[in-house]
Amino acid sequence: VQLVESGGGLVQPGGSLRLSCAASGFTFRWYDMSWYRQVPGKERELVAAITNAGGSTNYADSVKGRFTISRDNAKETVYLQMNSLKPEDTAVYYCNARSYFNNYWGQGTQVTVSS
């Protein structure tokens, strides 16, 4: 099982980034997918989630209206489009795949929002 995040980096406040998470080794379309983030000394927090068929999404209040989660089951990839980025969005972003029986994590990608 692998979840490989990409797309992180350094961006100025107000800028945009698109994170990708490529999945392999499990039946992607059966899994709900989420993005979490974590800063040192704090708990990992849910940023956005999408159901296995993509019919439902939910977002942390802090990112509503700025971030969009989507998935492509044919490509076995989940995305997080992040717009109007703020310094407080700086964190390591993790991809998560969850089913009734299993819970998988990626290795994380660093997002830094700074001028």
PDB file of N, CA and C in Angstrom:
ATOM      1  N   VAL A   1       0.844  -1.190   0.000  1.00  0.00           N
ATOM      2  CA  VAL A   1       0.000   0.000   0.000  1.00  0.00           C
ATOM      3  C   VAL A   1       0.881   1.243   0.000  1.00  0.00           C
ATOM      4  N   GLN A   2       0.562   2.154  -0.887  1.00  0.00           N
ATOM      5  CA  GLN A   2       1.298   3.428  -0.920  1.00  0.00           C
ATOM      6  C   GLN A   2       0.342   4.592  -1.173  1.00  0.00           C
ATOM      7  N   LEU A   3       0.582   5.669  -0.443  1.00  0.00           N
ATOM      8  CA  LEU A   3      -0.024   6.964  -0.699  1.00  0.00           C
ATOM      9  C   LEU A   3       1.124   7.947  -0.824  1.00  0.00           C
ATOM     10  N   VAL A   4       1.272   8.533  -1.996  1.00  0.00           N
ATOM     11  CA  VAL A   4       2.411   9.405  -2.263  1.00  0.00           C
ATOM     12  C   VAL A   4       1.903  10.817  -2.559  1.00  0.00           C
ATOM     13  N   GLU A   5       2.173  11.721  -1.616  1.00  0.00           N
ATOM     14  CA  GLU A   5       1.758  13.118  -1.787  1.00  0.00           C
ATOM     15  C   GLU A   5       2.808  13.885  -2.582  1.00  0.00           C
ATOM     16  N   SER A   6       2.343  14.878  -3.298  1.00  0.00           N
ATOM     17  CA  SER A   6       3.230  15.773  -4.032  1.00  0.00           C
ATOM     18  C   SER A   6       2.547  17.122  -4.185  1.00  0.00           C
ATOM     19  N   GLY A   7       3.334  18.124  -4.582  1.00  0.00           N
ATOM     20  CA  GLY A   7       2.776  19.437  -4.851  1.00  0.00           C
ATOM     21  C   GLY A   7       3.002  20.468  -3.770  1.00  0.00           C
ATOM     22  N   GLY A   8       3.588  20.066  -2.657  1.00  0.00           N
ATOM     23  CA  GLY A   8       3.868  21.034  -1.611  1.00  0.00           C
ATOM     24  C   GLY A   8       5.023  21.949  -1.990  1.00  0.00           C
ATOM     25  N   GLY A   9       5.239  22.955  -1.160  1.00  0.00           N
ATOM     26  CA  GLY A   9       6.335  23.886  -1.419  1.00  0.00           C
ATOM     27  C   GLY A   9       6.146  25.191  -0.695  1.00  0.00           C
ATOM     28  N   LEU A  10       6.910  26.178  -1.129  1.00  0.00           N
ATOM     29  CA  LEU A  10       6.858  27.524  -0.554  1.00  0.00           C
ATOM     30  C   LEU A  10       6.023  28.424  -1.462  1.00  0.00           C
ATOM     31  N   VAL A  11       5.082  29.138  -0.861  1.00  0.00           N
ATOM     32  CA  VAL A  11       4.213  30.026  -1.630  1.00  0.00           C
ATOM     33  C   VAL A  11       3.968  31.284  -0.811  1.00  0.00           C
ATOM     34  N   GLN A  12       3.760  32.389  -1.489  1.00  0.00           N
ATOM     35  CA  GLN A  12       3.481  33.646  -0.801  1.00  0.00           C
ATOM     36  C   GLN A  12       2.024  33.695  -0.346  1.00  0.00           C
ATOM     37  N   PRO A  13       1.749  34.456   0.692  1.00  0.00           N
ATOM     38  CA  PRO A  13       0.345  34.645   1.103  1.00  0.00           C
ATOM     39  C   PRO A  13      -0.510  35.116  -0.072  1.00  0.00           C
ATOM     40  N   GLY A  14      -1.708  34.513  -0.161  1.00  0.00           N
ATOM     41  CA  GLY A  14      -2.597  34.813  -1.270  1.00  0.00           C
ATOM     42  C   GLY A  14      -2.404  33.914  -2.469  1.00  0.00           C
ATOM     43  N   GLY A  15      -1.356  33.131  -2.452  1.00  0.00           N
ATOM     44  CA  GLY A  15      -1.064  32.248  -3.569  1.00  0.00           C
ATOM     45  C   GLY A  15      -1.845  30.945  -3.518  1.00  0.00           C
ATOM     46  N   SER A  16      -1.542  30.067  -4.475  1.00  0.00           N
ATOM     47  CA  SER A  16      -2.244  28.794  -4.617  1.00  0.00           C
ATOM     48  C   SER A  16      -1.262  27.644  -4.764  1.00  0.00           C
ATOM     49  N   LEU A  17      -1.705  26.490  -4.313  1.00  0.00           N
ATOM     50  CA  LEU A  17      -0.995  25.240  -4.533  1.00  0.00           C
ATOM     51  C   LEU A  17      -2.016  24.146  -4.782  1.00  0.00           C
ATOM     52  N   ARG A  18      -1.596  23.141  -5.512  1.00  0.00           N
ATOM     53  CA  ARG A  18      -2.446  21.959  -5.699  1.00  0.00           C
ATOM     54  C   ARG A  18      -1.669  20.734  -5.246  1.00  0.00           C
ATOM     55  N   LEU A  19      -2.169  20.088  -4.216  1.00  0.00           N
ATOM     56  CA  LEU A  19      -1.571  18.861  -3.729  1.00  0.00           C
ATOM     57  C   LEU A  19      -2.207  17.669  -4.439  1.00  0.00           C
ATOM     58  N   SER A  20      -1.398  16.649  -4.673  1.00  0.00           N
ATOM     59  CA  SER A  20      -1.873  15.398  -5.236  1.00  0.00           C
ATOM     60  C   SER A  20      -1.456  14.253  -4.338  1.00  0.00           C
ATOM     61  N   CYS A  21      -2.270  13.210  -4.328  1.00  0.00           N
ATOM     62  CA  CYS A  21      -1.949  11.998  -3.578  1.00  0.00           C
ATOM     63  C   CYS A  21      -2.262  10.812  -4.479  1.00  0.00           C
ATOM     64  N   ALA A  22      -1.212  10.134  -4.918  1.00  0.00           N
ATOM     65  CA  ALA A  22      -1.363   8.979  -5.791  1.00  0.00           C
ATOM     66  C   ALA A  22      -1.390   7.706  -4.950  1.00  0.00           C
ATOM     67  N   ALA A  23      -2.413   6.911  -5.158  1.00  0.00           N
ATOM     68  CA  ALA A  23      -2.618   5.704  -4.361  1.00  0.00           C
ATOM     69  C   ALA A  23      -2.291   4.458  -5.161  1.00  0.00           C
ATOM     70  N   SER A  24      -1.835   3.436  -4.464  1.00  0.00           N
ATOM     71  CA  SER A  24      -1.588   2.145  -5.088  1.00  0.00           C
ATOM     72  C   SER A  24      -1.622   1.063  -4.021  1.00  0.00           C
ATOM     73  N   GLY A  25      -1.909  -0.149  -4.456  1.00  0.00           N
ATOM     74  CA  GLY A  25      -1.860  -1.284  -3.547  1.00  0.00           C
ATOM     75  C   GLY A  25      -3.162  -1.610  -2.836  1.00  0.00           C
ATOM     76  N   PHE A  26      -4.202  -0.845  -3.135  1.00  0.00           N
ATOM     77  CA  PHE A  26      -5.519  -1.142  -2.561  1.00  0.00           C
ATOM     78  C   PHE A  26      -6.577  -0.634  -3.542  1.00  0.00           C
ATOM     79  N   THR A  27      -7.826  -1.004  -3.285  1.00  0.00           N
ATOM     80  CA  THR A  27      -8.913  -0.644  -4.196  1.00  0.00           C
ATOM     81  C   THR A  27      -9.385   0.764  -3.870  1.00  0.00           C
ATOM     82  N   PHE A  28      -8.790   1.703  -4.551  1.00  0.00           N
ATOM     83  CA  PHE A  28      -8.971   3.129  -4.258  1.00  0.00           C
ATOM     84  C   PHE A  28     -10.445   3.533  -4.208  1.00  0.00           C
ATOM     85  N   ARG A  29     -11.231   3.033  -5.134  1.00  0.00           N
ATOM     86  CA  ARG A  29     -12.616   3.515  -5.253  1.00  0.00           C
ATOM     87  C   ARG A  29     -13.481   3.089  -4.060  1.00  0.00           C
ATOM     88  N   TRP A  30     -12.997   2.182  -3.239  1.00  0.00           N
ATOM     89  CA  TRP A  30     -13.753   1.738  -2.078  1.00  0.00           C
ATOM     90  C   TRP A  30     -13.500   2.619  -0.850  1.00  0.00           C
ATOM     91  N   TYR A  31     -12.519   3.497  -0.945  1.00  0.00           N
ATOM     92  CA  TYR A  31     -12.055   4.228   0.222  1.00  0.00           C
ATOM     93  C   TYR A  31     -12.480   5.693   0.223  1.00  0.00           C
ATOM     94  N   ASP A  32     -12.924   6.169   1.386  1.00  0.00           N
ATOM     95  CA  ASP A  32     -13.050   7.603   1.604  1.00  0.00           C
ATOM     96  C   ASP A  32     -11.641   8.174   1.739  1.00  0.00           C
ATOM     97  N   MET A  33     -11.456   9.376   1.178  1.00  0.00           N
ATOM     98  CA  MET A  33     -10.130   9.989   1.183  1.00  0.00           C
ATOM     99  C   MET A  33     -10.181  11.330   1.902  1.00  0.00           C
ATOM    100  N   SER A  34      -9.094  11.650   2.571  1.00  0.00           N
ATOM    101  CA  SER A  34      -9.039  12.898   3.325  1.00  0.00           C
ATOM    102  C   SER A  34      -7.649  13.502   3.236  1.00  0.00           C
ATOM    103  N   TRP A  35      -7.602  14.790   3.515  1.00  0.00           N
ATOM    104  CA  TRP A  35      -6.349  15.503   3.734  1.00  0.00           C
ATOM    105  C   TRP A  35      -6.343  16.000   5.173  1.00  0.00           C
ATOM    106  N   TYR A  36      -5.235  15.778   5.850  1.00  0.00           N
ATOM    107  CA  TYR A  36      -4.999  16.284   7.185  1.00  0.00           C
ATOM    108  C   TYR A  36      -3.749  17.169   7.135  1.00  0.00           C
ATOM    109  N   ARG A  37      -3.587  17.952   8.189  1.00  0.00           N
ATOM    110  CA  ARG A  37      -2.349  18.715   8.311  1.00  0.00           C
ATOM    111  C   ARG A  37      -1.908  18.760   9.762  1.00  0.00           C
ATOM    112  N   GLN A  38      -0.617  18.987   9.935  1.00  0.00           N
ATOM    113  CA  GLN A  38      -0.061  19.000  11.286  1.00  0.00           C
ATOM    114  C   GLN A  38       1.098  19.976  11.346  1.00  0.00           C
ATOM    115  N   VAL A  39       1.114  20.742  12.432  1.00  0.00           N
ATOM    116  CA  VAL A  39       2.256  21.610  12.723  1.00  0.00           C
ATOM    117  C   VAL A  39       2.920  21.091  13.989  1.00  0.00           C
ATOM    118  N   PRO A  40       4.200  21.361  14.175  1.00  0.00           N
ATOM    119  CA  PRO A  40       4.905  20.837  15.355  1.00  0.00           C
ATOM    120  C   PRO A  40       4.221  21.255  16.650  1.00  0.00           C
ATOM    121  N   GLY A  41       4.043  20.297  17.528  1.00  0.00           N
ATOM    122  CA  GLY A  41       3.455  20.571  18.832  1.00  0.00           C
ATOM    123  C   GLY A  41       1.945  20.564  18.859  1.00  0.00           C
ATOM    124  N   LYS A  42       1.329  20.319  17.716  1.00  0.00           N
ATOM    125  CA  LYS A  42      -0.129  20.286  17.662  1.00  0.00           C
ATOM    126  C   LYS A  42      -0.602  18.952  17.100  1.00  0.00           C
ATOM    127  N   GLU A  43      -1.875  18.648  17.387  1.00  0.00           N
ATOM    128  CA  GLU A  43      -2.440  17.423  16.856  1.00  0.00           C
ATOM    129  C   GLU A  43      -2.717  17.569  15.352  1.00  0.00           C
ATOM    130  N   ARG A  44      -2.703  16.418  14.702  1.00  0.00           N
ATOM    131  CA  ARG A  44      -3.065  16.394  13.299  1.00  0.00           C
ATOM    132  C   ARG A  44      -4.551  16.741  13.172  1.00  0.00           C
ATOM    133  N   GLU A  45      -4.875  17.620  12.228  1.00  0.00           N
ATOM    134  CA  GLU A  45      -6.259  18.054  12.086  1.00  0.00           C
ATOM    135  C   GLU A  45      -6.773  17.751  10.684  1.00  0.00           C
ATOM    136  N   LEU A  46      -8.067  17.446  10.620  1.00  0.00           N
ATOM    137  CA  LEU A  46      -8.717  17.194   9.347  1.00  0.00           C
ATOM    138  C   LEU A  46      -8.899  18.505   8.592  1.00  0.00           C
ATOM    139  N   VAL A  47      -8.491  18.489   7.323  1.00  0.00           N
ATOM    140  CA  VAL A  47      -8.644  19.662   6.466  1.00  0.00           C
ATOM    141  C   VAL A  47      -9.844  19.503   5.546  1.00  0.00           C
ATOM    142  N   ALA A  48      -9.910  18.353   4.862  1.00  0.00           N
ATOM    143  CA  ALA A  48     -10.982  18.114   3.902  1.00  0.00           C
ATOM    144  C   ALA A  48     -11.140  16.619   3.696  1.00  0.00           C
ATOM    145  N   ALA A  49     -12.349  16.201   3.348  1.00  0.00           N
ATOM    146  CA  ALA A  49     -12.628  14.786   3.131  1.00  0.00           C
ATOM    147  C   ALA A  49     -13.601  14.638   1.972  1.00  0.00           C
ATOM    148  N   ILE A  50     -13.520  13.471   1.321  1.00  0.00           N
ATOM    149  CA  ILE A  50     -14.409  13.184   0.203  1.00  0.00           C
ATOM    150  C   ILE A  50     -14.768  11.702   0.264  1.00  0.00           C
ATOM    151  N   THR A  51     -16.033  11.393   0.012  1.00  0.00           N
ATOM    152  CA  THR A  51     -16.469  10.012   0.075  1.00  0.00           C
ATOM    153  C   THR A  51     -15.965   9.206  -1.121  1.00  0.00           C
ATOM    154  N   ASN A  52     -16.116   7.882  -1.035  1.00  0.00           N
ATOM    155  CA  ASN A  52     -15.483   7.011  -2.022  1.00  0.00           C
ATOM    156  C   ASN A  52     -15.961   7.283  -3.446  1.00  0.00           C
ATOM    157  N   ALA A  53     -17.228   7.619  -3.610  1.00  0.00           N
ATOM    158  CA  ALA A  53     -17.735   7.914  -4.948  1.00  0.00           C
ATOM    159  C   ALA A  53     -17.633   9.403  -5.292  1.00  0.00           C
ATOM    160  N   GLY A  54     -17.157  10.178  -4.340  1.00  0.00           N
ATOM    161  CA  GLY A  54     -17.005  11.602  -4.587  1.00  0.00           C
ATOM    162  C   GLY A  54     -18.271  12.413  -4.447  1.00  0.00           C
ATOM    163  N   GLY A  55     -19.306  11.792  -3.890  1.00  0.00           N
ATOM    164  CA  GLY A  55     -20.578  12.479  -3.832  1.00  0.00           C
ATOM    165  C   GLY A  55     -20.731  13.459  -2.698  1.00  0.00           C
ATOM    166  N   SER A  56     -19.839  13.369  -1.731  1.00  0.00           N
ATOM    167  CA  SER A  56     -19.959  14.238  -0.565  1.00  0.00           C
ATOM    168  C   SER A  56     -18.587  14.682  -0.106  1.00  0.00           C
ATOM    169  N   THR A  57     -18.500  15.944   0.268  1.00  0.00           N
ATOM    170  CA  THR A  57     -17.254  16.500   0.780  1.00  0.00           C
ATOM    171  C   THR A  57     -17.526  17.260   2.070  1.00  0.00           C
ATOM    172  N   ASN A  58     -16.506  17.404   2.882  1.00  0.00           N
ATOM    173  CA  ASN A  58     -16.609  18.308   4.017  1.00  0.00           C
ATOM    174  C   ASN A  58     -15.250  18.933   4.295  1.00  0.00           C
ATOM    175  N   TYR A  59     -15.299  20.093   4.931  1.00  0.00           N
ATOM    176  CA  TYR A  59     -14.104  20.906   5.119  1.00  0.00           C
ATOM    177  C   TYR A  59     -14.030  21.453   6.534  1.00  0.00           C
ATOM    178  N   ALA A  60     -12.803  21.656   6.988  1.00  0.00           N
ATOM    179  CA  ALA A  60     -12.607  22.396   8.233  1.00  0.00           C
ATOM    180  C   ALA A  60     -13.084  23.829   8.020  1.00  0.00           C
ATOM    181  N   ASP A  61     -13.636  24.422   9.061  1.00  0.00           N
ATOM    182  CA  ASP A  61     -14.138  25.796   8.940  1.00  0.00           C
ATOM    183  C   ASP A  61     -13.047  26.750   8.462  1.00  0.00           C
ATOM    184  N   SER A  62     -11.827  26.494   8.868  1.00  0.00           N
ATOM    185  CA  SER A  62     -10.721  27.400   8.558  1.00  0.00           C
ATOM    186  C   SER A  62     -10.360  27.428   7.073  1.00  0.00           C
ATOM    187  N   VAL A  63     -10.814  26.439   6.310  1.00  0.00           N
ATOM    188  CA  VAL A  63     -10.446  26.380   4.890  1.00  0.00           C
ATOM    189  C   VAL A  63     -11.644  26.466   3.956  1.00  0.00           C
ATOM    190  N   LYS A  64     -12.847  26.503   4.506  1.00  0.00           N
ATOM    191  CA  LYS A  64     -14.048  26.569   3.668  1.00  0.00           C
ATOM    192  C   LYS A  64     -13.999  27.784   2.757  1.00  0.00           C
ATOM    193  N   GLY A  65     -14.323  27.554   1.489  1.00  0.00           N
ATOM    194  CA  GLY A  65     -14.317  28.637   0.518  1.00  0.00           C
ATOM    195  C   GLY A  65     -12.962  28.880  -0.113  1.00  0.00           C
ATOM    196  N   ARG A  66     -11.920  28.279   0.439  1.00  0.00           N
ATOM    197  CA  ARG A  66     -10.559  28.464  -0.109  1.00  0.00           C
ATOM    198  C   ARG A  66      -9.967  27.177  -0.673  1.00  0.00           C
ATOM    199  N   PHE A  67     -10.283  26.046  -0.041  1.00  0.00           N
ATOM    200  CA  PHE A  67      -9.748  24.752  -0.459  1.00  0.00           C
ATOM    201  C   PHE A  67     -10.845  23.909  -1.096  1.00  0.00           C
ATOM    202  N   THR A  68     -10.425  23.075  -2.060  1.00  0.00           N
ATOM    203  CA  THR A  68     -11.354  22.151  -2.707  1.00  0.00           C
ATOM    204  C   THR A  68     -10.707  20.781  -2.826  1.00  0.00           C
ATOM    205  N   ILE A  69     -11.392  19.765  -2.313  1.00  0.00           N
ATOM    206  CA  ILE A  69     -10.920  18.396  -2.448  1.00  0.00           C
ATOM    207  C   ILE A  69     -11.660  17.739  -3.611  1.00  0.00           C
ATOM    208  N   SER A  70     -10.926  16.920  -4.365  1.00  0.00           N
ATOM    209  CA  SER A  70     -11.536  16.188  -5.472  1.00  0.00           C
ATOM    210  C   SER A  70     -10.779  14.883  -5.648  1.00  0.00           C
ATOM    211  N   ARG A  71     -11.363  13.987  -6.428  1.00  0.00           N
ATOM    212  CA  ARG A  71     -10.714  12.706  -6.670  1.00  0.00           C
ATOM    213  C   ARG A  71     -10.985  12.247  -8.083  1.00  0.00           C
ATOM    214  N   ASP A  72     -10.061  11.439  -8.587  1.00  0.00           N
ATOM    215  CA  ASP A  72     -10.203  10.805  -9.882  1.00  0.00           C
ATOM    216  C   ASP A  72      -9.994   9.314  -9.653  1.00  0.00           C
ATOM    217  N   ASN A  73     -11.079   8.572  -9.597  1.00  0.00           N
ATOM    218  CA  ASN A  73     -10.970   7.150  -9.283  1.00  0.00           C
ATOM    219  C   ASN A  73     -10.267   6.372 -10.401  1.00  0.00           C
ATOM    220  N   ALA A  74     -10.354   6.840 -11.612  1.00  0.00           N
ATOM    221  CA  ALA A  74      -9.654   6.173 -12.720  1.00  0.00           C
ATOM    222  C   ALA A  74      -8.139   6.323 -12.572  1.00  0.00           C
ATOM    223  N   LYS A  75      -7.707   7.472 -12.061  1.00  0.00           N
ATOM    224  CA  LYS A  75      -6.273   7.705 -11.865  1.00  0.00           C
ATOM    225  C   LYS A  75      -5.823   7.349 -10.461  1.00  0.00           C
ATOM    226  N   GLU A  76      -6.783   6.971  -9.608  1.00  0.00           N
ATOM    227  CA  GLU A  76      -6.484   6.597  -8.208  1.00  0.00           C
ATOM    228  C   GLU A  76      -5.707   7.721  -7.519  1.00  0.00           C
ATOM    229  N   THR A  77      -6.217   8.906  -7.668  1.00  0.00           N
ATOM    230  CA  THR A  77      -5.556  10.090  -7.135  1.00  0.00           C
ATOM    231  C   THR A  77      -6.586  11.012  -6.487  1.00  0.00           C
ATOM    232  N   VAL A  78      -6.186  11.604  -5.379  1.00  0.00           N
ATOM    233  CA  VAL A  78      -7.001  12.619  -4.723  1.00  0.00           C
ATOM    234  C   VAL A  78      -6.217  13.924  -4.728  1.00  0.00           C
ATOM    235  N   TYR A  79      -6.943  15.030  -4.838  1.00  0.00           N
ATOM    236  CA  TYR A  79      -6.318  16.339  -4.974  1.00  0.00           C
ATOM    237  C   TYR A  79      -6.816  17.282  -3.877  1.00  0.00           C
ATOM    238  N   LEU A  80      -6.003  18.273  -3.593  1.00  0.00           N
ATOM    239  CA  LEU A  80      -6.433  19.365  -2.724  1.00  0.00           C
ATOM    240  C   LEU A  80      -5.976  20.669  -3.384  1.00  0.00           C
ATOM    241  N   GLN A  81      -6.934  21.388  -3.917  1.00  0.00           N
ATOM    242  CA  GLN A  81      -6.648  22.704  -4.485  1.00  0.00           C
ATOM    243  C   GLN A  81      -6.742  23.726  -3.368  1.00  0.00           C
ATOM    244  N   MET A  82      -5.663  24.455  -3.147  1.00  0.00           N
ATOM    245  CA  MET A  82      -5.598  25.417  -2.051  1.00  0.00           C
ATOM    246  C   MET A  82      -5.391  26.809  -2.642  1.00  0.00           C
ATOM    247  N   ASN A  83      -6.361  27.661  -2.427  1.00  0.00           N
ATOM    248  CA  ASN A  83      -6.300  29.045  -2.912  1.00  0.00           C
ATOM    249  C   ASN A  83      -6.283  30.008  -1.730  1.00  0.00           C
ATOM    250  N   SER A  84      -5.912  31.241  -2.006  1.00  0.00           N
ATOM    251  CA  SER A  84      -5.888  32.302  -0.988  1.00  0.00           C
ATOM    252  C   SER A  84      -5.169  31.828   0.268  1.00  0.00           C
ATOM    253  N   LEU A  85      -4.014  31.256   0.068  1.00  0.00           N
ATOM    254  CA  LEU A  85      -3.274  30.669   1.185  1.00  0.00           C
ATOM    255  C   LEU A  85      -2.838  31.723   2.187  1.00  0.00           C
ATOM    256  N   LYS A  86      -2.846  31.313   3.451  1.00  0.00           N
ATOM    257  CA  LYS A  86      -2.478  32.181   4.562  1.00  0.00           C
ATOM    258  C   LYS A  86      -1.286  31.578   5.300  1.00  0.00           C
ATOM    259  N   PRO A  87      -0.529  32.391   6.016  1.00  0.00           N
ATOM    260  CA  PRO A  87       0.602  31.841   6.789  1.00  0.00           C
ATOM    261  C   PRO A  87       0.165  30.737   7.754  1.00  0.00           C
ATOM    262  N   GLU A  88      -1.041  30.832   8.281  1.00  0.00           N
ATOM    263  CA  GLU A  88      -1.501  29.798   9.214  1.00  0.00           C
ATOM    264  C   GLU A  88      -1.845  28.480   8.531  1.00  0.00           C
ATOM    265  N   ASP A  89      -1.794  28.434   7.212  1.00  0.00           N
ATOM    266  CA  ASP A  89      -1.951  27.171   6.502  1.00  0.00           C
ATOM    267  C   ASP A  89      -0.643  26.390   6.435  1.00  0.00           C
ATOM    268  N   THR A  90       0.435  26.978   6.895  1.00  0.00           N
ATOM    269  CA  THR A  90       1.728  26.301   6.905  1.00  0.00           C
ATOM    270  C   THR A  90       1.662  25.056   7.776  1.00  0.00           C
ATOM    271  N   ALA A  91       2.025  23.914   7.206  1.00  0.00           N
ATOM    272  CA  ALA A  91       1.946  22.632   7.903  1.00  0.00           C
ATOM    273  C   ALA A  91       2.485  21.539   6.992  1.00  0.00           C
ATOM    274  N   VAL A  92       2.622  20.366   7.557  1.00  0.00           N
ATOM    275  CA  VAL A  92       2.814  19.162   6.745  1.00  0.00           C
ATOM    276  C   VAL A  92       1.424  18.602   6.447  1.00  0.00           C
ATOM    277  N   TYR A  93       1.152  18.371   5.184  1.00  0.00           N
ATOM    278  CA  TYR A  93      -0.152  17.879   4.744  1.00  0.00           C
ATOM    279  C   TYR A  93      -0.046  16.388   4.437  1.00  0.00           C
ATOM    280  N   TYR A  94      -0.993  15.635   5.006  1.00  0.00           N
ATOM    281  CA  TYR A  94      -1.000  14.182   4.872  1.00  0.00           C
ATOM    282  C   TYR A  94      -2.262  13.714   4.157  1.00  0.00           C
ATOM    283  N   CYS A  95      -2.081  12.736   3.317  1.00  0.00           N
ATOM    284  CA  CYS A  95      -3.191  12.064   2.646  1.00  0.00           C
ATOM    285  C   CYS A  95      -3.605  10.857   3.481  1.00  0.00           C
ATOM    286  N   ASN A  96      -4.912  10.615   3.561  1.00  0.00           N
ATOM    287  CA  ASN A  96      -5.436   9.495   4.334  1.00  0.00           C
ATOM    288  C   ASN A  96      -6.484   8.740   3.522  1.00  0.00           C
ATOM    289  N   ALA A  97      -6.417   7.424   3.598  1.00  0.00           N
ATOM    290  CA  ALA A  97      -7.411   6.559   2.971  1.00  0.00           C
ATOM    291  C   ALA A  97      -8.040   5.698   4.059  1.00  0.00           C
ATOM    292  N   ARG A  98      -9.360   5.721   4.101  1.00  0.00           N
ATOM    293  CA  ARG A  98     -10.039   5.010   5.188  1.00  0.00           C
ATOM    294  C   ARG A  98     -11.204   4.182   4.646  1.00  0.00           C
ATOM    295  N   SER A  99     -11.256   2.931   5.138  1.00  0.00           N
ATOM    296  CA  SER A  99     -12.419   2.099   4.897  1.00  0.00           C
ATOM    297  C   SER A  99     -12.889   1.575   6.236  1.00  0.00           C
ATOM    298  N   TYR A 100     -13.869   0.696   6.207  1.00  0.00           N
ATOM    299  CA  TYR A 100     -14.350   0.130   7.474  1.00  0.00           C
ATOM    300  C   TYR A 100     -13.246  -0.651   8.179  1.00  0.00           C
ATOM    301  N   PHE A 101     -12.358  -1.260   7.387  1.00  0.00           N
ATOM    302  CA  PHE A 101     -11.352  -2.159   7.967  1.00  0.00           C
ATOM    303  C   PHE A 101      -9.953  -1.557   8.025  1.00  0.00           C
ATOM    304  N   ASN A 102      -9.658  -0.612   7.164  1.00  0.00           N
ATOM    305  CA  ASN A 102      -8.282  -0.158   7.020  1.00  0.00           C
ATOM    306  C   ASN A 102      -8.173   1.356   7.082  1.00  0.00           C
ATOM    307  N   ASN A 103      -6.980   1.803   7.448  1.00  0.00           N
ATOM    308  CA  ASN A 103      -6.687   3.233   7.551  1.00  0.00           C
ATOM    309  C   ASN A 103      -5.233   3.429   7.137  1.00  0.00           C
ATOM    310  N   TYR A 104      -5.001   4.117   6.025  1.00  0.00           N
ATOM    311  CA  TYR A 104      -3.650   4.282   5.492  1.00  0.00           C
ATOM    312  C   TYR A 104      -3.268   5.764   5.455  1.00  0.00           C
ATOM    313  N   TRP A 105      -1.962   6.004   5.630  1.00  0.00           N
ATOM    314  CA  TRP A 105      -1.424   7.374   5.627  1.00  0.00           C
ATOM    315  C   TRP A 105      -0.271   7.497   4.639  1.00  0.00           C
ATOM    316  N   GLY A 106      -0.171   8.678   4.049  1.00  0.00           N
ATOM    317  CA  GLY A 106       0.993   9.004   3.255  1.00  0.00           C
ATOM    318  C   GLY A 106       2.104   9.544   4.140  1.00  0.00           C
ATOM    319  N   GLN A 107       3.219   9.902   3.511  1.00  0.00           N
ATOM    320  CA  GLN A 107       4.393  10.352   4.263  1.00  0.00           C
ATOM    321  C   GLN A 107       4.351  11.858   4.537  1.00  0.00           C
ATOM    322  N   GLY A 108       3.471  12.566   3.863  1.00  0.00           N
ATOM    323  CA  GLY A 108       3.316  14.005   4.089  1.00  0.00           C
ATOM    324  C   GLY A 108       4.106  14.849   3.108  1.00  0.00           C
ATOM    325  N   THR A 109       3.603  16.049   2.884  1.00  0.00           N
ATOM    326  CA  THR A 109       4.300  17.033   2.050  1.00  0.00           C
ATOM    327  C   THR A 109       4.215  18.390   2.742  1.00  0.00           C
ATOM    328  N   GLN A 110       5.333  19.088   2.765  1.00  0.00           N
ATOM    329  CA  GLN A 110       5.398  20.360   3.481  1.00  0.00           C
ATOM    330  C   GLN A 110       4.818  21.491   2.630  1.00  0.00           C
ATOM    331  N   VAL A 111       3.949  22.263   3.256  1.00  0.00           N
ATOM    332  CA  VAL A 111       3.434  23.500   2.649  1.00  0.00           C
ATOM    333  C   VAL A 111       3.839  24.656   3.550  1.00  0.00           C
ATOM    334  N   THR A 112       4.527  25.613   2.974  1.00  0.00           N
ATOM    335  CA  THR A 112       4.966  26.789   3.717  1.00  0.00           C
ATOM    336  C   THR A 112       4.443  28.037   3.028  1.00  0.00           C
ATOM    337  N   VAL A 113       3.694  28.835   3.780  1.00  0.00           N
ATOM    338  CA  VAL A 113       3.136  30.079   3.246  1.00  0.00           C
ATOM    339  C   VAL A 113       3.845  31.232   3.938  1.00  0.00           C
ATOM    340  N   SER A 114       4.659  31.926   3.179  1.00  0.00           N
ATOM    341  CA  SER A 114       5.485  32.985   3.765  1.00  0.00           C
ATOM    342  C   SER A 114       5.916  33.956   2.678  1.00  0.00           C
ATOM    343  N   SER A 115       6.057  35.208   3.080  1.00  0.00           N
ATOM    344  CA  SER A 115       6.567  36.216   2.153  1.00  0.00           C
ATOM    345  C   SER A 115       8.074  36.365   2.292  1.00  0.00           C
TER     346      SER A 115
END
